[in-house]
Every structure is written in structure tokens, then in C-alpha cells.
Amino acid sequence: MEQTSDPIMYWTSFVHEPWQMFMAATTNGLCFVGSANQPFEELEKWANNRLPGYRLVQDDEKMQTYAAQFAEYFEGRRTDFTLPLDLVGTPFHRSVWNAVYDIGYGRTYTYTDIAQRIRKPESVRAVGAAIGANPVLIVVPCHRVIGKNGKLTGYRGGLEMKAGLLQLEKDCSLSQFSIAYD
């Protein structure tokens, strides 16, 4: 039997109604969170483009820590993720993703805000492209980035998913506020 030495990317299908998405991690951390209700091919295509040579191996047990934090998020019990990440992108991408990562739960920033935070105010379009390339939806909360006019704009997971995540955070923030001050 031939042994392969290809690095492994573990994956699982996370389901928390009405959300279903594939997520994957290397031994270094979470590297991909898919769009809601998209087929496995979304993960497969991303892996082939961004981490060629990795073998995709379903391992629900290895992915349990990640899935547990996602469940807590969708249940309104988690506002920050404490997962190791293995983000694959250019230095510019990573600077944008770091700025997006710092957007607080239930808050929104514009693409212009992000461009200013990374000290490249003239790069709003490039910021938008980098946000569109974000491989770990929700953890790097690009759903919290909106248009300058306050409208929801492009999102890899689709505008319905973006609106749903923002609504989830709004509802959870309101319920936490009312619990704390009743």
C-alpha cells in the first residue's frame, strides 16, 4: 500500500439550521469557511487553487472545536472566535483581513473605513477585492463591511447570507442588552 506524504486539510460539514456550510483546517488552523448552503465543490475548488497538493480528508472529530465555536456563534453565545487561523493570501490581503477581523460584533465598517485603517485610503477597490477573497467567512467578519451609502454590497456568501448574519448579530446584541438591563 502506497503512503502519501501530501499535507492534509481536514474538513467537515457544519449544520446549524438554516445554515449549512463546509469548513476546513490544516494542522495550523482554520483555513476555509464556505458560503451557506453551497456544495462541497466550493471547498474543493478553493483548496485546489489556494493549497494545491493538500489532500482533503473528512474528519468531524478534528473539526469539532471549530464547529463548536460556530454553533455558539449562531446560538448568540459567542461574539469572538478564539480559533487558530491559517490564512492563505498576499501580505495586502492579510492586512485587510486583520483590519476586518478587528470589527466588533454587531458593528459595521465601510470599505473606505478599512482602507483608512490599513493606511491606504486610495485602495478602496483593492480592499473590496481582498475582502472578497477572505477564505474564512464569519471568523474574519467581512459580512460587517458595507457600502459607503450604508447598503449591503458584495459578499462571497451572497447578500442573503450577509443580511442574515448582520440580523443575527443585531438580534443577539439586543437580547443581551435587554437581559443585562431588565
Protein backbone atom coordinates (compact mmCIF):
# COMPACT_ATOMS: atom_id res chain seq x y z
CA MET A 1 0.00 0.00 0.00
CA GLU A 2 1.48 3.32 -1.08
CA GLN A 3 1.74 6.01 1.59
CA THR A 4 1.25 9.61 0.56
CA SER A 5 3.10 12.45 2.23
CA ASP A 6 0.79 15.17 0.96
CA PRO A 7 -0.26 17.57 3.70
CA ILE A 8 -3.83 17.12 4.89
CA MET A 9 -6.68 19.58 5.00
CA TYR A 10 -9.38 18.30 7.33
CA TRP A 11 -12.96 19.26 6.61
CA THR A 12 -16.47 18.88 7.94
CA SER A 13 -19.96 19.93 7.05
CA PHE A 14 -21.29 22.32 9.69
CA VAL A 15 -25.06 22.43 10.01
CA HIS A 16 -26.99 24.81 12.24
CA GLU A 17 -30.41 25.44 10.74
CA PRO A 18 -30.89 27.20 8.44
CA TRP A 19 -27.13 27.35 7.87
CA GLN A 20 -25.08 24.58 6.28
CA MET A 21 -21.50 25.21 5.24
CA PHE A 22 -18.27 23.36 4.73
CA MET A 23 -15.23 24.30 6.78
CA ALA A 24 -11.65 23.12 6.60
CA ALA A 25 -8.45 23.37 8.62
CA THR A 26 -4.82 22.50 8.21
CA THR A 27 -2.73 21.42 11.18
CA ASN A 28 -2.04 25.17 11.67
CA GLY A 29 -5.67 26.27 11.95
CA LEU A 30 -8.93 27.07 10.22
CA CYS A 31 -8.28 27.92 6.59
CA PHE A 32 -11.71 27.91 4.93
CA VAL A 33 -15.35 28.56 5.77
CA GLY A 34 -17.71 28.18 2.88
CA SER A 35 -20.78 30.05 1.82
CA ALA A 36 -24.11 28.97 3.27
CA ASN A 37 -25.80 26.08 1.50
CA GLN A 38 -23.17 25.70 -1.22
CA PRO A 39 -21.94 22.31 -2.44
CA PHE A 40 -18.69 20.64 -1.41
CA GLU A 41 -17.21 21.73 -4.75
CA GLU A 42 -16.84 25.28 -3.39
CA LEU A 43 -14.32 23.97 -0.82
CA GLU A 44 -12.70 21.64 -3.33
CA LYS A 45 -12.18 24.43 -5.87
CA TRP A 46 -10.77 26.79 -3.23
CA ALA A 47 -8.40 24.10 -1.93
CA ASN A 48 -7.14 23.27 -5.43
CA ASN A 49 -6.48 26.96 -6.15
CA ARG A 50 -5.07 28.10 -2.81
CA LEU A 51 -3.48 25.00 -1.28
CA PRO A 52 -2.69 22.66 -4.15
CA GLY A 53 -1.14 19.43 -3.03
CA TYR A 54 -3.23 19.17 0.13
CA ARG A 55 -5.41 16.10 0.50
CA LEU A 56 -8.96 16.79 1.63
CA VAL A 57 -9.90 14.40 4.43
CA GLN A 58 -13.26 14.49 6.18
CA ASP A 59 -12.67 14.37 9.92
CA ASP A 60 -15.59 15.58 12.01
CA GLU A 61 -13.72 14.86 15.24
CA LYS A 62 -10.69 17.02 14.35
CA MET A 63 -13.06 19.79 13.24
CA GLN A 64 -15.21 19.62 16.40
CA THR A 65 -13.51 22.56 18.13
CA TYR A 66 -14.22 24.76 15.12
CA ALA A 67 -17.81 23.53 14.76
CA ALA A 68 -18.46 24.10 18.48
CA GLN A 69 -17.46 27.76 18.28
CA PHE A 70 -19.62 28.23 15.18
CA ALA A 71 -22.60 26.67 16.98
CA GLU A 72 -22.05 29.07 19.90
CA TYR A 73 -21.92 31.99 17.47
CA PHE A 74 -25.16 31.00 15.74
CA GLU A 75 -26.83 30.49 19.13
CA GLY A 76 -25.82 34.01 20.21
CA ARG A 77 -23.43 32.75 22.91
CA ARG A 78 -20.17 33.77 21.19
CA THR A 79 -19.16 37.20 19.89
CA ASP A 80 -15.46 36.49 19.28
CA PHE A 81 -13.74 33.43 17.87
CA THR A 82 -10.65 32.07 19.58
CA LEU A 83 -9.60 29.66 16.86
CA PRO A 84 -6.16 29.29 15.32
CA LEU A 85 -6.25 30.50 11.72
CA ASP A 86 -4.18 29.52 8.71
CA LEU A 87 -4.96 32.31 6.26
CA VAL A 88 -3.60 31.97 2.75
CA GLY A 89 -3.24 35.27 0.93
CA THR A 90 -0.89 38.04 -0.08
CA PRO A 91 0.52 40.46 2.52
CA PHE A 92 -2.04 43.03 1.33
CA HIS A 93 -4.87 40.51 1.73
CA ARG A 94 -3.71 39.67 5.24
CA SER A 95 -3.51 43.36 6.23
CA VAL A 96 -7.11 43.83 5.07
CA TRP A 97 -8.28 40.64 6.80
CA ASN A 98 -6.58 41.73 10.04
CA ALA A 99 -8.43 45.04 9.90
CA VAL A 100 -11.72 43.27 9.20
CA TYR A 101 -11.04 40.77 11.99
CA ASP A 102 -10.97 43.67 14.45
CA ILE A 103 -14.51 44.87 13.62
CA GLY A 104 -16.55 44.30 16.76
CA TYR A 105 -19.60 42.06 16.95
CA GLY A 106 -22.73 43.82 15.73
CA ARG A 107 -20.78 46.77 14.27
CA THR A 108 -20.24 47.70 10.64
CA TYR A 109 -17.48 49.50 8.78
CA THR A 110 -17.32 50.67 5.21
CA TYR A 111 -14.74 49.64 2.63
CA THR A 112 -13.38 53.18 2.95
CA ASP A 113 -13.01 52.71 6.72
CA ILE A 114 -10.95 49.56 6.13
CA ALA A 115 -8.77 51.29 3.52
CA GLN A 116 -8.08 54.06 6.03
CA ARG A 117 -7.37 51.58 8.86
CA ILE A 118 -4.63 49.94 6.76
CA ARG A 119 -3.30 53.39 5.83
CA LYS A 120 -4.06 53.02 2.13
CA PRO A 121 -7.05 55.35 1.68
CA GLU A 122 -6.74 55.27 -2.11
CA SER A 123 -7.10 51.48 -2.26
CA VAL A 124 -10.84 51.07 -1.61
CA ARG A 125 -11.36 48.87 -4.70
CA ALA A 126 -8.39 46.67 -3.81
CA VAL A 127 -9.75 46.41 -0.26
CA GLY A 128 -13.03 45.20 -1.72
CA ALA A 129 -11.23 42.57 -3.78
CA ALA A 130 -9.23 41.40 -0.75
CA ILE A 131 -12.40 41.16 1.32
CA GLY A 132 -13.97 39.13 -1.49
CA ALA A 133 -11.04 36.72 -1.26
CA ASN A 134 -11.49 36.20 2.50
CA PRO A 135 -11.33 32.41 2.95
CA VAL A 136 -12.86 32.24 6.44
CA LEU A 137 -16.29 33.79 6.38
CA ILE A 138 -17.77 34.79 9.75
CA VAL A 139 -14.48 34.42 11.70
CA VAL A 140 -12.95 37.22 9.63
CA PRO A 141 -16.28 39.05 9.64
CA CYS A 142 -16.39 40.55 6.18
CA HIS A 143 -20.20 40.49 6.46
CA ARG A 144 -19.69 43.54 8.71
CA VAL A 145 -18.29 45.60 5.82
CA ILE A 146 -20.91 47.62 3.98
CA GLY A 147 -21.05 50.24 1.25
CA LYS A 148 -20.32 53.89 1.96
CA ASN A 149 -24.04 54.63 1.48
CA GLY A 150 -24.97 52.09 4.17
CA LYS A 151 -26.18 49.49 1.69
CA LEU A 152 -25.16 45.85 1.68
CA THR A 153 -22.74 45.16 -1.13
CA GLY A 154 -20.89 42.12 -2.48
CA TYR A 155 -20.27 39.11 -0.28
CA ARG A 156 -18.80 35.75 -1.26
CA GLY A 157 -21.59 34.04 0.66
CA GLY A 158 -24.27 36.09 -1.09
CA LEU A 159 -26.21 39.12 0.13
CA GLU A 160 -28.85 36.90 1.76
CA MET A 161 -26.19 35.31 3.97
CA LYS A 162 -24.65 38.72 4.73
CA ALA A 163 -28.03 40.16 5.73
CA GLY A 164 -28.80 37.07 7.81
CA LEU A 165 -25.50 37.31 9.73
CA LEU A 166 -25.97 41.02 10.41
CA GLN A 167 -29.54 40.36 11.58
CA LEU A 168 -28.37 37.52 13.83
CA GLU A 169 -25.81 39.82 15.46
CA LYS A 170 -28.34 42.64 15.81
CA ASP A 171 -30.92 40.32 17.41
CA CYS A 172 -28.36 38.77 19.77
CA SER A 173 -26.98 42.18 20.74
CA LEU A 174 -30.48 43.44 21.52
CA SER A 175 -31.33 40.36 23.59
CA GLN A 176 -28.07 40.65 25.54
CA PHE A 177 -28.80 44.32 26.19
CA SER A 178 -32.32 43.65 27.43
CA ILE A 179 -31.15 40.80 29.64
CA ALA A 180 -28.40 42.95 31.16
CA TYR A 181 -30.67 45.94 31.88
CA ASP A 182 -34.10 44.47 32.68
